[in-house]
Amino acid sequence: MIRVFLEDHGQDFLTWDIKDGVVVETHPLQGWLWNGTKIITKEFGPGAYLHIQLRFSPEEVVLNYPVEKILFIPDDEAGLIRRVR
């Protein structure tokens, strides 16, 4: 799993946890909207704008907020991180 930190431009969500190309956790808010979003962009890093497909739409769109940083989280630690919050 990876945790993607997005640049803060005043939006209600700042991080996405992504597993197998799909957003599984959104923080601090708007999980109801973003969880289940498919990440179309295969390789990305800081400064990249992600191409995504929302779970309720067939269209590909570009997220307005660039990636700030990425953390790689081993699968055996992912559950622990979510429970601690």
C-alpha atoms as a PDB file:
ATOM      1  CA  MET A   1       0.000   0.000   0.000  1.00  0.00           C
ATOM      2  CA  ILE A   2       1.099   3.565  -0.532  1.00  0.00           C
ATOM      3  CA  ARG A   3       0.022   6.716   1.254  1.00  0.00           C
ATOM      4  CA  VAL A   4      -0.126   9.702  -1.073  1.00  0.00           C
ATOM      5  CA  PHE A   5       0.043  13.155   0.484  1.00  0.00           C
ATOM      6  CA  LEU A   6      -1.533  15.848  -1.661  1.00  0.00           C
ATOM      7  CA  GLU A   7      -0.522  19.499  -1.660  1.00  0.00           C
ATOM      8  CA  ASP A   8      -2.810  21.491   0.631  1.00  0.00           C
ATOM      9  CA  HIS A   9      -4.863  23.982  -1.339  1.00  0.00           C
ATOM     10  CA  GLY A  10      -7.674  24.202   1.222  1.00  0.00           C
ATOM     11  CA  GLN A  11      -9.423  20.973   0.161  1.00  0.00           C
ATOM     12  CA  ASP A  12     -11.060  18.635   2.716  1.00  0.00           C
ATOM     13  CA  PHE A  13      -8.802  15.666   1.940  1.00  0.00           C
ATOM     14  CA  LEU A  14      -5.015  15.569   2.185  1.00  0.00           C
ATOM     15  CA  THR A  15      -4.024  11.899   2.035  1.00  0.00           C
ATOM     16  CA  TRP A  16      -5.083   8.826   0.119  1.00  0.00           C
ATOM     17  CA  ASP A  17      -4.112   5.274   0.995  1.00  0.00           C
ATOM     18  CA  ILE A  18      -3.915   3.365  -2.272  1.00  0.00           C
ATOM     19  CA  LYS A  19      -3.807  -0.395  -2.665  1.00  0.00           C
ATOM     20  CA  ASP A  20      -3.764  -2.184  -6.025  1.00  0.00           C
ATOM     21  CA  GLY A  21      -4.466   1.106  -7.805  1.00  0.00           C
ATOM     22  CA  VAL A  22      -7.599   1.936  -5.789  1.00  0.00           C
ATOM     23  CA  VAL A  23      -8.118   4.492  -3.001  1.00  0.00           C
ATOM     24  CA  VAL A  24      -9.007   2.545   0.161  1.00  0.00           C
ATOM     25  CA  GLU A  25      -8.752   5.344   2.774  1.00  0.00           C
ATOM     26  CA  THR A  26      -9.119   9.128   2.557  1.00  0.00           C
ATOM     27  CA  HIS A  27      -8.101  11.559   5.301  1.00  0.00           C
ATOM     28  CA  PRO A  28      -9.152  13.666   7.030  1.00  0.00           C
ATOM     29  CA  LEU A  29     -12.554  13.930   5.276  1.00  0.00           C
ATOM     30  CA  GLN A  30     -14.520  12.880   2.170  1.00  0.00           C
ATOM     31  CA  GLY A  31     -13.887   9.133   2.227  1.00  0.00           C
ATOM     32  CA  TRP A  32     -17.514   8.735   1.131  1.00  0.00           C
ATOM     33  CA  LEU A  33     -16.555  10.398  -2.145  1.00  0.00           C
ATOM     34  CA  TRP A  34     -13.000   9.286  -2.870  1.00  0.00           C
ATOM     35  CA  ASN A  35     -12.761   5.730  -1.487  1.00  0.00           C
ATOM     36  CA  GLY A  36     -13.050   3.328  -4.406  1.00  0.00           C
ATOM     37  CA  THR A  37     -11.512   5.774  -6.883  1.00  0.00           C
ATOM     38  CA  LYS A  38      -9.273   4.079  -9.440  1.00  0.00           C
ATOM     39  CA  ILE A  39      -5.862   5.644 -10.064  1.00  0.00           C
ATOM     40  CA  ILE A  40      -5.205   5.586 -13.818  1.00  0.00           C
ATOM     41  CA  THR A  41      -1.694   7.071 -13.595  1.00  0.00           C
ATOM     42  CA  LYS A  42       0.686   4.097 -13.330  1.00  0.00           C
ATOM     43  CA  GLU A  43       3.872   5.867 -12.216  1.00  0.00           C
ATOM     44  CA  PHE A  44       3.962   9.146 -10.331  1.00  0.00           C
ATOM     45  CA  GLY A  45       5.910  11.116  -7.777  1.00  0.00           C
ATOM     46  CA  PRO A  46       5.977  14.530  -6.115  1.00  0.00           C
ATOM     47  CA  GLY A  47       4.502  17.217  -8.337  1.00  0.00           C
ATOM     48  CA  ALA A  48       2.456  14.793 -10.444  1.00  0.00           C
ATOM     49  CA  TYR A  49      -1.225  15.309 -11.151  1.00  0.00           C
ATOM     50  CA  LEU A  50      -3.127  12.028 -10.895  1.00  0.00           C
ATOM     51  CA  HIS A  51      -5.462  10.796 -13.593  1.00  0.00           C
ATOM     52  CA  ILE A  52      -8.360   9.101 -11.820  1.00  0.00           C
ATOM     53  CA  GLN A  53     -11.711   7.430 -12.418  1.00  0.00           C
ATOM     54  CA  LEU A  54     -14.352   7.921  -9.724  1.00  0.00           C
ATOM     55  CA  ARG A  55     -16.273   4.787  -8.795  1.00  0.00           C
ATOM     56  CA  PHE A  56     -19.569   6.309  -9.980  1.00  0.00           C
ATOM     57  CA  SER A  57     -18.332   7.686 -13.330  1.00  0.00           C
ATOM     58  CA  PRO A  58     -16.833   6.078 -16.441  1.00  0.00           C
ATOM     59  CA  GLU A  59     -14.888   9.251 -17.306  1.00  0.00           C
ATOM     60  CA  GLU A  60     -11.204   9.794 -16.588  1.00  0.00           C
ATOM     61  CA  VAL A  61     -10.414  13.127 -14.913  1.00  0.00           C
ATOM     62  CA  VAL A  62      -7.299  14.831 -13.549  1.00  0.00           C
ATOM     63  CA  LEU A  63      -7.221  15.569  -9.822  1.00  0.00           C
ATOM     64  CA  ASN A  64      -6.709  19.303  -9.187  1.00  0.00           C
ATOM     65  CA  TYR A  65      -4.152  18.777  -6.401  1.00  0.00           C
ATOM     66  CA  PRO A  66      -0.604  17.569  -7.096  1.00  0.00           C
ATOM     67  CA  VAL A  67       1.174  14.874  -5.135  1.00  0.00           C
ATOM     68  CA  GLU A  68       3.340  16.273  -2.331  1.00  0.00           C
ATOM     69  CA  LYS A  69       5.011  13.036  -1.175  1.00  0.00           C
ATOM     70  CA  ILE A  70       4.523   9.281  -1.076  1.00  0.00           C
ATOM     71  CA  LEU A  71       5.082   6.762   1.727  1.00  0.00           C
ATOM     72  CA  PHE A  72       5.279   3.033   1.086  1.00  0.00           C
ATOM     73  CA  ILE A  73       3.523   1.037   3.819  1.00  0.00           C
ATOM     74  CA  PRO A  74       4.020  -2.739   4.051  1.00  0.00           C
ATOM     75  CA  ASP A  75       0.698  -4.613   3.965  1.00  0.00           C
ATOM     76  CA  ASP A  76       1.286  -6.114   7.421  1.00  0.00           C
ATOM     77  CA  GLU A  77       1.478  -2.586   8.894  1.00  0.00           C
ATOM     78  CA  ALA A  78      -1.415  -1.051   6.961  1.00  0.00           C
ATOM     79  CA  GLY A  79      -4.128  -2.378   9.288  1.00  0.00           C
ATOM     80  CA  LEU A  80      -2.256  -1.174  12.364  1.00  0.00           C
ATOM     81  CA  ILE A  81      -1.977   2.356  10.998  1.00  0.00           C
ATOM     82  CA  ARG A  82      -5.701   2.558  10.293  1.00  0.00           C
ATOM     83  CA  ARG A  83      -6.663   1.288  13.778  1.00  0.00           C
ATOM     84  CA  VAL A  84      -4.385   3.716  15.604  1.00  0.00           C
ATOM     85  CA  ARG A  85      -5.951   6.840  14.094  1.00  0.00           C
END
